[in-house]
Amino acid sequence: MAQFSAQDNIAFGNYLIRNELYNDAIVFLNSKEYKHNTQDPNYLFIKGWAFYNLKQLDSSATFLAKVPSTAEFYHKARFFSALSYAHIGNYSNANETINQTDSLTEELQELANLELAGVALLARDLDSFKQLEASFTYQNYNLAEHQETLSQLSKDIANFKPKSPLLAGTLSAIVPGLGKIYAGKVGEGISALLTSSIIGAIAIENYNRSGIKSAGTIATGTLFAAVYAANIYGSVYSVKAYRDDFDKTINYRVLFHIHIPLRNVFN
C-alpha cells in the first residue's frame, strides 16, 4: 500500500474542505491512515474548520483554539473559535479566546473589539459594551455597518420594557383576551375574547332556558370555565414568549453582525 507524507495528507484534507466535503474531512483525519502528528497546525485548523461548517461548535471551538500563533491562519482560527463559543453561549471562553490572541494589527484589534462588544450584548452586559463601543471608529469598510448595528441593538436592549406575567393574568381574568393583547398578541387576544364570549353566552342561554342542572348548562359551563382558565394561563405564557422572542431576535442579529465581519476580513 502506498504511503503518503504528512504534506500529502494535509493537501488532501484541504482539498476536502475546499469542496465542502466536511464529513469526509473528519472521517479522513480520524482514520488510521492519517499518520501525521495531530498537534500539527494544519490538522487542527482543518478539523476545526470542518466542525465549524458542520455546526458542531463545541468541537470547532476546541480545535481552532489550539492552533498555535506560529500558524499563518492563527488569527482566523482564534476569531472563529471565539465565534463558536459565542454561538453555544459560552461567553467567558469567547472573551478569553479573543483577549488572549497575540499580535493583533490595528484592524484586527478593532475587529476584536467588535467581537467582544457583540459577546457583551449576548451576555446583556451593557456596561462592558459601552466601554468597547468607545473604540468604534466607524471608518473601516468591513466593520462600520456592523458597529452601527450593534450600537442600535444595545439601545434596543436598554429600552426594552419587560411585561408583567401577573398583570397579564389579572387582565385576562377581568376581560378574557386582554392579557394577550397586553403581551403583544393582539390577534390571539381578540380571538380569545370572541371565543370566551360566545361560549359564555351559550352557557347563559342554556341556564336561562333549562336551569343550572341541565346537561347543556353543565357542558357549556364546564367548557367556558376551561377556556377561561386556559386563557389566563395563556396570557401569562404569552408574556414569557414575548421576552423570549425579543431575546432570540436580538441574539440572532448580534451573532449575524459579529459573523459577517469575520467572513469579510478572513475571506
C-alpha atoms as a PDB file:
ATOM      1  CA  MET A   1       0.000   0.000   0.000  1.00  0.00           C
ATOM      2  CA  ALA A   2       1.331   3.449  -0.902  1.00  0.00           C
ATOM      3  CA  GLN A   3       2.487   5.616   1.974  1.00  0.00           C
ATOM      4  CA  PHE A   4       1.604   9.290   1.902  1.00  0.00           C
ATOM      5  CA  SER A   5       3.575  12.044   3.562  1.00  0.00           C
ATOM      6  CA  ALA A   6       2.171  14.429   6.137  1.00  0.00           C
ATOM      7  CA  GLN A   7       2.188  17.115   3.456  1.00  0.00           C
ATOM      8  CA  ASP A   8       0.128  14.884   1.141  1.00  0.00           C
ATOM      9  CA  ASN A   9      -2.370  14.229   3.907  1.00  0.00           C
ATOM     10  CA  ILE A  10      -2.744  17.937   4.647  1.00  0.00           C
ATOM     11  CA  ALA A  11      -3.169  18.693   0.955  1.00  0.00           C
ATOM     12  CA  PHE A  12      -5.923  16.097   0.716  1.00  0.00           C
ATOM     13  CA  GLY A  13      -7.587  17.464   3.844  1.00  0.00           C
ATOM     14  CA  ASN A  14      -7.550  20.947   2.326  1.00  0.00           C
ATOM     15  CA  TYR A  15      -8.983  19.534  -0.903  1.00  0.00           C
ATOM     16  CA  LEU A  16     -11.912  18.065   1.023  1.00  0.00           C
ATOM     17  CA  ILE A  17     -12.515  21.368   2.814  1.00  0.00           C
ATOM     18  CA  ARG A  18     -12.399  23.404  -0.400  1.00  0.00           C
ATOM     19  CA  ASN A  19     -15.001  21.098  -1.900  1.00  0.00           C
ATOM     20  CA  GLU A  20     -17.190  21.381   1.221  1.00  0.00           C
ATOM     21  CA  LEU A  21     -16.790  17.674   1.986  1.00  0.00           C
ATOM     22  CA  TYR A  22     -16.663  18.355   5.691  1.00  0.00           C
ATOM     23  CA  ASN A  23     -17.859  14.969   6.921  1.00  0.00           C
ATOM     24  CA  ASP A  24     -15.331  13.271   4.660  1.00  0.00           C
ATOM     25  CA  ALA A  25     -12.613  15.535   6.050  1.00  0.00           C
ATOM     26  CA  ILE A  26     -13.458  14.499   9.621  1.00  0.00           C
ATOM     27  CA  VAL A  27     -13.507  10.815   8.681  1.00  0.00           C
ATOM     28  CA  PHE A  28     -10.162  11.161   6.893  1.00  0.00           C
ATOM     29  CA  LEU A  29      -8.486  12.981   9.773  1.00  0.00           C
ATOM     30  CA  ASN A  30      -9.768  10.348  12.194  1.00  0.00           C
ATOM     31  CA  SER A  31      -8.651   7.428  10.048  1.00  0.00           C
ATOM     32  CA  LYS A  32      -5.763   5.084  10.844  1.00  0.00           C
ATOM     33  CA  GLU A  33      -4.152   6.047   7.549  1.00  0.00           C
ATOM     34  CA  TYR A  34      -3.604   9.542   8.843  1.00  0.00           C
ATOM     35  CA  LYS A  35      -0.154   9.180  10.349  1.00  0.00           C
ATOM     36  CA  HIS A  36       0.604  12.825  10.941  1.00  0.00           C
ATOM     37  CA  ASN A  37       1.041  14.447  14.344  1.00  0.00           C
ATOM     38  CA  THR A  38      -2.407  15.526  15.443  1.00  0.00           C
ATOM     39  CA  GLN A  39      -0.941  18.655  17.042  1.00  0.00           C
ATOM     40  CA  ASP A  40       0.121  19.980  13.644  1.00  0.00           C
ATOM     41  CA  PRO A  41      -1.427  23.440  12.994  1.00  0.00           C
ATOM     42  CA  ASN A  42      -2.827  22.326   9.636  1.00  0.00           C
ATOM     43  CA  TYR A  43      -4.511  19.296  11.176  1.00  0.00           C
ATOM     44  CA  LEU A  44      -6.005  21.382  13.989  1.00  0.00           C
ATOM     45  CA  PHE A  45      -7.281  24.067  11.634  1.00  0.00           C
ATOM     46  CA  ILE A  46      -8.714  21.719   9.022  1.00  0.00           C
ATOM     47  CA  LYS A  47     -10.532  19.666  11.642  1.00  0.00           C
ATOM     48  CA  GLY A  48     -11.794  22.742  13.486  1.00  0.00           C
ATOM     49  CA  TRP A  49     -12.966  24.354  10.253  1.00  0.00           C
ATOM     50  CA  ALA A  50     -14.755  21.178   9.199  1.00  0.00           C
ATOM     51  CA  PHE A  51     -16.543  21.025  12.558  1.00  0.00           C
ATOM     52  CA  TYR A  52     -17.447  24.720  12.255  1.00  0.00           C
ATOM     53  CA  ASN A  53     -19.107  24.188   8.889  1.00  0.00           C
ATOM     54  CA  LEU A  54     -20.925  21.144  10.237  1.00  0.00           C
ATOM     55  CA  LYS A  55     -22.210  23.356  13.072  1.00  0.00           C
ATOM     56  CA  GLN A  56     -20.572  21.118  15.662  1.00  0.00           C
ATOM     57  CA  LEU A  57     -19.479  24.215  17.503  1.00  0.00           C
ATOM     58  CA  ASP A  58     -18.144  22.678  20.727  1.00  0.00           C
ATOM     59  CA  SER A  59     -15.605  20.704  18.725  1.00  0.00           C
ATOM     60  CA  SER A  60     -14.953  23.607  16.368  1.00  0.00           C
ATOM     61  CA  ALA A  61     -14.110  25.959  19.238  1.00  0.00           C
ATOM     62  CA  THR A  62     -11.809  23.415  20.869  1.00  0.00           C
ATOM     63  CA  PHE A  63      -9.732  22.554  17.795  1.00  0.00           C
ATOM     64  CA  LEU A  64      -9.481  26.100  16.418  1.00  0.00           C
ATOM     65  CA  ALA A  65      -8.380  27.442  19.814  1.00  0.00           C
ATOM     66  CA  LYS A  66      -5.436  25.028  19.756  1.00  0.00           C
ATOM     67  CA  VAL A  67      -3.947  26.443  16.552  1.00  0.00           C
ATOM     68  CA  PRO A  68      -0.591  27.985  17.602  1.00  0.00           C
ATOM     69  CA  SER A  69       0.414  31.582  16.994  1.00  0.00           C
ATOM     70  CA  THR A  70       3.117  30.429  14.547  1.00  0.00           C
ATOM     71  CA  ALA A  71       0.492  29.283  12.032  1.00  0.00           C
ATOM     72  CA  GLU A  72      -0.342  31.607   9.138  1.00  0.00           C
ATOM     73  CA  PHE A  73      -4.079  31.150   9.786  1.00  0.00           C
ATOM     74  CA  TYR A  74      -3.719  31.649  13.552  1.00  0.00           C
ATOM     75  CA  HIS A  75      -5.881  34.773  13.752  1.00  0.00           C
ATOM     76  CA  LYS A  76      -8.674  33.279  11.655  1.00  0.00           C
ATOM     77  CA  ALA A  77      -8.684  30.222  13.896  1.00  0.00           C
ATOM     78  CA  ARG A  78      -8.832  32.305  17.081  1.00  0.00           C
ATOM     79  CA  PHE A  79     -11.649  34.561  15.928  1.00  0.00           C
ATOM     80  CA  PHE A  80     -13.791  31.697  14.630  1.00  0.00           C
ATOM     81  CA  SER A  81     -13.115  29.744  17.810  1.00  0.00           C
ATOM     82  CA  ALA A  82     -14.472  32.699  19.796  1.00  0.00           C
ATOM     83  CA  LEU A  83     -17.482  32.913  17.466  1.00  0.00           C
ATOM     84  CA  SER A  84     -18.178  29.220  18.037  1.00  0.00           C
ATOM     85  CA  TYR A  85     -18.080  29.765  21.791  1.00  0.00           C
ATOM     86  CA  ALA A  86     -20.449  32.731  21.419  1.00  0.00           C
ATOM     87  CA  HIS A  87     -22.919  30.632  19.435  1.00  0.00           C
ATOM     88  CA  ILE A  88     -23.126  27.989  22.159  1.00  0.00           C
ATOM     89  CA  GLY A  89     -23.482  30.590  24.917  1.00  0.00           C
ATOM     90  CA  ASN A  90     -20.021  30.144  26.425  1.00  0.00           C
ATOM     91  CA  TYR A  91     -19.345  33.864  26.658  1.00  0.00           C
ATOM     92  CA  SER A  92     -16.457  33.653  29.131  1.00  0.00           C
ATOM     93  CA  ASN A  93     -14.469  31.392  26.784  1.00  0.00           C
ATOM     94  CA  ALA A  94     -15.331  33.615  23.828  1.00  0.00           C
ATOM     95  CA  ASN A  95     -13.931  36.640  25.673  1.00  0.00           C
ATOM     96  CA  GLU A  96     -10.872  34.749  26.860  1.00  0.00           C
ATOM     97  CA  THR A  97     -10.097  33.437  23.373  1.00  0.00           C
ATOM     98  CA  ILE A  98     -10.143  36.928  21.859  1.00  0.00           C
ATOM     99  CA  ASN A  99      -8.347  38.638  24.739  1.00  0.00           C
ATOM    100  CA  GLN A 100      -5.528  36.087  24.646  1.00  0.00           C
ATOM    101  CA  THR A 101      -4.976  36.383  20.902  1.00  0.00           C
ATOM    102  CA  ASP A 102      -1.459  37.608  20.128  1.00  0.00           C
ATOM    103  CA  SER A 103      -0.015  40.008  17.558  1.00  0.00           C
ATOM    104  CA  LEU A 104      -3.137  41.923  16.562  1.00  0.00           C
ATOM    105  CA  THR A 105      -2.792  44.560  13.878  1.00  0.00           C
ATOM    106  CA  GLU A 106      -4.742  47.810  14.205  1.00  0.00           C
ATOM    107  CA  GLU A 107      -7.524  46.421  12.021  1.00  0.00           C
ATOM    108  CA  LEU A 108      -7.637  43.124  13.897  1.00  0.00           C
ATOM    109  CA  GLN A 109      -7.741  44.955  17.224  1.00  0.00           C
ATOM    110  CA  GLU A 110     -10.774  46.894  16.062  1.00  0.00           C
ATOM    111  CA  LEU A 111     -12.299  43.630  14.860  1.00  0.00           C
ATOM    112  CA  ALA A 112     -11.537  42.088  18.262  1.00  0.00           C
ATOM    113  CA  ASN A 113     -13.321  44.977  19.993  1.00  0.00           C
ATOM    114  CA  LEU A 114     -16.331  44.465  17.729  1.00  0.00           C
ATOM    115  CA  GLU A 115     -16.445  40.767  18.584  1.00  0.00           C
ATOM    116  CA  LEU A 116     -16.066  41.449  22.306  1.00  0.00           C
ATOM    117  CA  ALA A 117     -18.809  44.072  22.102  1.00  0.00           C
ATOM    118  CA  GLY A 118     -21.096  41.539  20.442  1.00  0.00           C
ATOM    119  CA  VAL A 119     -20.375  38.984  23.153  1.00  0.00           C
ATOM    120  CA  ALA A 120     -21.157  41.638  25.776  1.00  0.00           C
ATOM    121  CA  LEU A 121     -24.569  42.190  24.167  1.00  0.00           C
ATOM    122  CA  LEU A 122     -25.244  38.460  24.084  1.00  0.00           C
ATOM    123  CA  ALA A 123     -24.451  38.378  27.805  1.00  0.00           C
ATOM    124  CA  ARG A 124     -26.596  41.530  28.272  1.00  0.00           C
ATOM    125  CA  ASP A 125     -23.581  43.272  29.828  1.00  0.00           C
ATOM    126  CA  LEU A 126     -24.325  46.817  28.670  1.00  0.00           C
ATOM    127  CA  ASP A 127     -21.599  48.410  30.813  1.00  0.00           C
ATOM    128  CA  SER A 128     -18.899  46.349  29.111  1.00  0.00           C
ATOM    129  CA  PHE A 129     -20.477  47.072  25.746  1.00  0.00           C
ATOM    130  CA  LYS A 130     -20.304  50.829  26.306  1.00  0.00           C
ATOM    131  CA  GLN A 131     -16.600  50.619  27.118  1.00  0.00           C
ATOM    132  CA  LEU A 132     -15.926  48.672  23.931  1.00  0.00           C
ATOM    133  CA  GLU A 133     -18.241  50.855  21.856  1.00  0.00           C
ATOM    134  CA  ALA A 134     -15.986  53.809  22.667  1.00  0.00           C
ATOM    135  CA  SER A 135     -13.305  52.196  20.481  1.00  0.00           C
ATOM    136  CA  PHE A 136     -15.550  52.002  17.396  1.00  0.00           C
ATOM    137  CA  THR A 137     -14.214  54.259  14.635  1.00  0.00           C
ATOM    138  CA  TYR A 138     -16.989  53.570  12.100  1.00  0.00           C
ATOM    139  CA  GLN A 139     -14.317  54.142   9.431  1.00  0.00           C
ATOM    140  CA  ASN A 140     -13.394  50.589   8.456  1.00  0.00           C
ATOM    141  CA  TYR A 141     -15.498  49.485   5.484  1.00  0.00           C
ATOM    142  CA  ASN A 142     -15.611  45.892   6.710  1.00  0.00           C
ATOM    143  CA  LEU A 143     -16.771  46.870  10.191  1.00  0.00           C
ATOM    144  CA  ALA A 144     -18.653  50.187  10.148  1.00  0.00           C
ATOM    145  CA  GLU A 145     -22.141  48.882   9.314  1.00  0.00           C
ATOM    146  CA  HIS A 146     -21.847  46.179  11.949  1.00  0.00           C
ATOM    147  CA  GLN A 147     -20.571  48.602  14.589  1.00  0.00           C
ATOM    148  CA  GLU A 148     -23.561  50.853  13.908  1.00  0.00           C
ATOM    149  CA  THR A 149     -25.984  47.940  14.160  1.00  0.00           C
ATOM    150  CA  LEU A 150     -24.522  46.714  17.450  1.00  0.00           C
ATOM    151  CA  SER A 151     -24.824  50.235  18.848  1.00  0.00           C
ATOM    152  CA  GLN A 152     -28.503  50.310  17.862  1.00  0.00           C
ATOM    153  CA  LEU A 153     -29.099  46.855  19.317  1.00  0.00           C
ATOM    154  CA  SER A 154     -27.601  47.989  22.617  1.00  0.00           C
ATOM    155  CA  LYS A 155     -30.205  50.779  22.695  1.00  0.00           C
ATOM    156  CA  ASP A 156     -32.972  48.290  21.904  1.00  0.00           C
ATOM    157  CA  ILE A 157     -31.865  46.130  24.835  1.00  0.00           C
ATOM    158  CA  ALA A 158     -31.646  49.115  27.173  1.00  0.00           C
ATOM    159  CA  ASN A 159     -35.087  50.379  26.134  1.00  0.00           C
ATOM    160  CA  PHE A 160     -36.830  47.018  26.293  1.00  0.00           C
ATOM    161  CA  LYS A 161     -39.619  47.030  28.866  1.00  0.00           C
ATOM    162  CA  PRO A 162     -40.451  43.545  30.139  1.00  0.00           C
ATOM    163  CA  LYS A 163     -44.118  42.886  30.718  1.00  0.00           C
ATOM    164  CA  SER A 164     -45.598  41.531  33.938  1.00  0.00           C
ATOM    165  CA  PRO A 165     -46.962  37.954  33.924  1.00  0.00           C
ATOM    166  CA  LEU A 166     -49.084  38.800  36.965  1.00  0.00           C
ATOM    167  CA  LEU A 167     -50.664  41.786  35.241  1.00  0.00           C
ATOM    168  CA  ALA A 168     -51.277  39.760  32.082  1.00  0.00           C
ATOM    169  CA  GLY A 169     -53.072  37.070  34.074  1.00  0.00           C
ATOM    170  CA  THR A 170     -55.090  39.618  36.013  1.00  0.00           C
ATOM    171  CA  LEU A 171     -56.195  41.432  32.879  1.00  0.00           C
ATOM    172  CA  SER A 172     -57.354  38.181  31.280  1.00  0.00           C
ATOM    173  CA  ALA A 173     -59.199  37.269  34.464  1.00  0.00           C
ATOM    174  CA  ILE A 174     -61.104  40.564  34.195  1.00  0.00           C
ATOM    175  CA  VAL A 175     -61.627  40.505  30.414  1.00  0.00           C
ATOM    176  CA  PRO A 176     -60.688  37.288  28.576  1.00  0.00           C
ATOM    177  CA  GLY A 177     -58.034  38.005  25.947  1.00  0.00           C
ATOM    178  CA  LEU A 178     -56.977  41.354  27.379  1.00  0.00           C
ATOM    179  CA  GLY A 179     -53.817  39.868  28.881  1.00  0.00           C
ATOM    180  CA  LYS A 180     -52.743  38.546  25.493  1.00  0.00           C
ATOM    181  CA  ILE A 181     -53.330  41.947  23.921  1.00  0.00           C
ATOM    182  CA  TYR A 182     -51.152  43.443  26.677  1.00  0.00           C
ATOM    183  CA  ALA A 183     -48.479  40.853  25.837  1.00  0.00           C
ATOM    184  CA  GLY A 184     -48.470  41.992  22.214  1.00  0.00           C
ATOM    185  CA  LYS A 185     -50.571  39.110  20.840  1.00  0.00           C
ATOM    186  CA  VAL A 186     -53.435  41.289  19.610  1.00  0.00           C
ATOM    187  CA  GLY A 187     -54.921  38.765  17.197  1.00  0.00           C
ATOM    188  CA  GLU A 188     -54.820  35.970  19.771  1.00  0.00           C
ATOM    189  CA  GLY A 189     -56.348  38.284  22.368  1.00  0.00           C
ATOM    190  CA  ILE A 190     -59.270  39.251  20.156  1.00  0.00           C
ATOM    191  CA  SER A 191     -59.810  35.595  19.215  1.00  0.00           C
ATOM    192  CA  ALA A 192     -59.791  34.570  22.891  1.00  0.00           C
ATOM    193  CA  LEU A 193     -62.295  37.317  23.737  1.00  0.00           C
ATOM    194  CA  LEU A 194     -64.663  36.265  20.957  1.00  0.00           C
ATOM    195  CA  THR A 195     -64.395  32.554  21.794  1.00  0.00           C
ATOM    196  CA  SER A 196     -64.979  33.118  25.506  1.00  0.00           C
ATOM    197  CA  SER A 197     -67.872  35.476  24.811  1.00  0.00           C
ATOM    198  CA  ILE A 198     -69.621  33.029  22.502  1.00  0.00           C
ATOM    199  CA  ILE A 199     -69.217  30.064  24.859  1.00  0.00           C
ATOM    200  CA  GLY A 200     -70.245  32.196  27.825  1.00  0.00           C
ATOM    201  CA  ALA A 201     -73.327  33.432  26.001  1.00  0.00           C
ATOM    202  CA  ILE A 202     -74.336  29.861  25.127  1.00  0.00           C
ATOM    203  CA  ALA A 203     -73.845  28.776  28.750  1.00  0.00           C
ATOM    204  CA  ILE A 204     -76.044  31.656  29.978  1.00  0.00           C
ATOM    205  CA  GLU A 205     -78.694  30.859  27.379  1.00  0.00           C
ATOM    206  CA  ASN A 206     -78.754  27.202  28.479  1.00  0.00           C
ATOM    207  CA  TYR A 207     -79.033  28.272  32.098  1.00  0.00           C
ATOM    208  CA  ASN A 208     -81.933  30.654  31.412  1.00  0.00           C
ATOM    209  CA  ARG A 209     -83.786  28.041  29.359  1.00  0.00           C
ATOM    210  CA  SER A 210     -83.063  24.806  31.225  1.00  0.00           C
ATOM    211  CA  GLY A 211     -81.658  25.672  34.633  1.00  0.00           C
ATOM    212  CA  ILE A 212     -78.313  25.062  36.275  1.00  0.00           C
ATOM    213  CA  LYS A 213     -78.638  21.253  36.444  1.00  0.00           C
ATOM    214  CA  SER A 214     -79.338  20.650  32.786  1.00  0.00           C
ATOM    215  CA  ALA A 215     -76.776  18.711  30.740  1.00  0.00           C
ATOM    216  CA  GLY A 216     -76.422  21.594  28.287  1.00  0.00           C
ATOM    217  CA  THR A 217     -75.749  24.116  31.039  1.00  0.00           C
ATOM    218  CA  ILE A 218     -73.227  21.852  32.752  1.00  0.00           C
ATOM    219  CA  ALA A 219     -71.424  21.072  29.476  1.00  0.00           C
ATOM    220  CA  THR A 220     -71.187  24.653  28.229  1.00  0.00           C
ATOM    221  CA  GLY A 221     -70.434  25.982  31.714  1.00  0.00           C
ATOM    222  CA  THR A 222     -67.602  23.489  32.118  1.00  0.00           C
ATOM    223  CA  LEU A 223     -66.268  24.374  28.674  1.00  0.00           C
ATOM    224  CA  PHE A 224     -66.395  28.083  29.476  1.00  0.00           C
ATOM    225  CA  ALA A 225     -64.525  27.547  32.755  1.00  0.00           C
ATOM    226  CA  ALA A 226     -61.834  25.545  30.936  1.00  0.00           C
ATOM    227  CA  VAL A 227     -61.462  28.174  28.204  1.00  0.00           C
ATOM    228  CA  TYR A 228     -61.418  30.972  30.801  1.00  0.00           C
ATOM    229  CA  ALA A 229     -58.674  29.274  32.856  1.00  0.00           C
ATOM    230  CA  ALA A 230     -56.670  28.372  29.755  1.00  0.00           C
ATOM    231  CA  ASN A 231     -56.858  31.974  28.590  1.00  0.00           C
ATOM    232  CA  ILE A 232     -55.405  33.222  31.880  1.00  0.00           C
ATOM    233  CA  TYR A 233     -52.572  30.685  31.665  1.00  0.00           C
ATOM    234  CA  GLY A 234     -52.026  31.520  28.009  1.00  0.00           C
ATOM    235  CA  SER A 235     -51.765  35.225  28.815  1.00  0.00           C
ATOM    236  CA  VAL A 236     -49.096  34.551  31.444  1.00  0.00           C
ATOM    237  CA  TYR A 237     -47.214  32.340  28.983  1.00  0.00           C
ATOM    238  CA  SER A 238     -47.540  34.991  26.243  1.00  0.00           C
ATOM    239  CA  VAL A 239     -45.570  37.439  28.386  1.00  0.00           C
ATOM    240  CA  LYS A 240     -42.741  34.911  28.707  1.00  0.00           C
ATOM    241  CA  ALA A 241     -42.937  34.205  24.972  1.00  0.00           C
ATOM    242  CA  TYR A 242     -42.780  37.964  24.321  1.00  0.00           C
ATOM    243  CA  ARG A 243     -39.498  38.184  26.236  1.00  0.00           C
ATOM    244  CA  ASP A 244     -38.131  35.010  24.638  1.00  0.00           C
ATOM    245  CA  ASP A 245     -38.967  36.279  21.144  1.00  0.00           C
ATOM    246  CA  PHE A 246     -37.195  39.553  21.871  1.00  0.00           C
ATOM    247  CA  ASP A 247     -34.093  37.792  23.201  1.00  0.00           C
ATOM    248  CA  LYS A 248     -33.947  35.362  20.274  1.00  0.00           C
ATOM    249  CA  THR A 249     -34.272  38.178  17.752  1.00  0.00           C
ATOM    250  CA  ILE A 250     -31.563  40.247  19.428  1.00  0.00           C
ATOM    251  CA  ASN A 251     -29.213  37.274  19.751  1.00  0.00           C
ATOM    252  CA  TYR A 252     -29.726  36.258  16.128  1.00  0.00           C
ATOM    253  CA  ARG A 253     -28.920  39.766  14.916  1.00  0.00           C
ATOM    254  CA  VAL A 254     -25.883  40.114  17.179  1.00  0.00           C
ATOM    255  CA  LEU A 255     -24.462  36.780  16.022  1.00  0.00           C
ATOM    256  CA  PHE A 256     -25.064  37.771  12.406  1.00  0.00           C
ATOM    257  CA  HIS A 257     -23.259  41.068  12.828  1.00  0.00           C
ATOM    258  CA  ILE A 258     -20.217  39.533  14.515  1.00  0.00           C
ATOM    259  CA  HIS A 259     -20.068  36.720  11.974  1.00  0.00           C
ATOM    260  CA  ILE A 260     -20.139  38.680   8.711  1.00  0.00           C
ATOM    261  CA  PRO A 261     -17.102  40.860   9.592  1.00  0.00           C
ATOM    262  CA  LEU A 262     -15.052  37.703  10.132  1.00  0.00           C
ATOM    263  CA  ARG A 263     -16.022  36.475   6.688  1.00  0.00           C
ATOM    264  CA  ASN A 264     -15.117  39.863   5.202  1.00  0.00           C
ATOM    265  CA  VAL A 265     -11.731  40.115   6.932  1.00  0.00           C
ATOM    266  CA  PHE A 266     -10.698  36.468   6.585  1.00  0.00           C
ATOM    267  CA  ASN A 267     -12.113  35.759   3.136  1.00  0.00           C
END
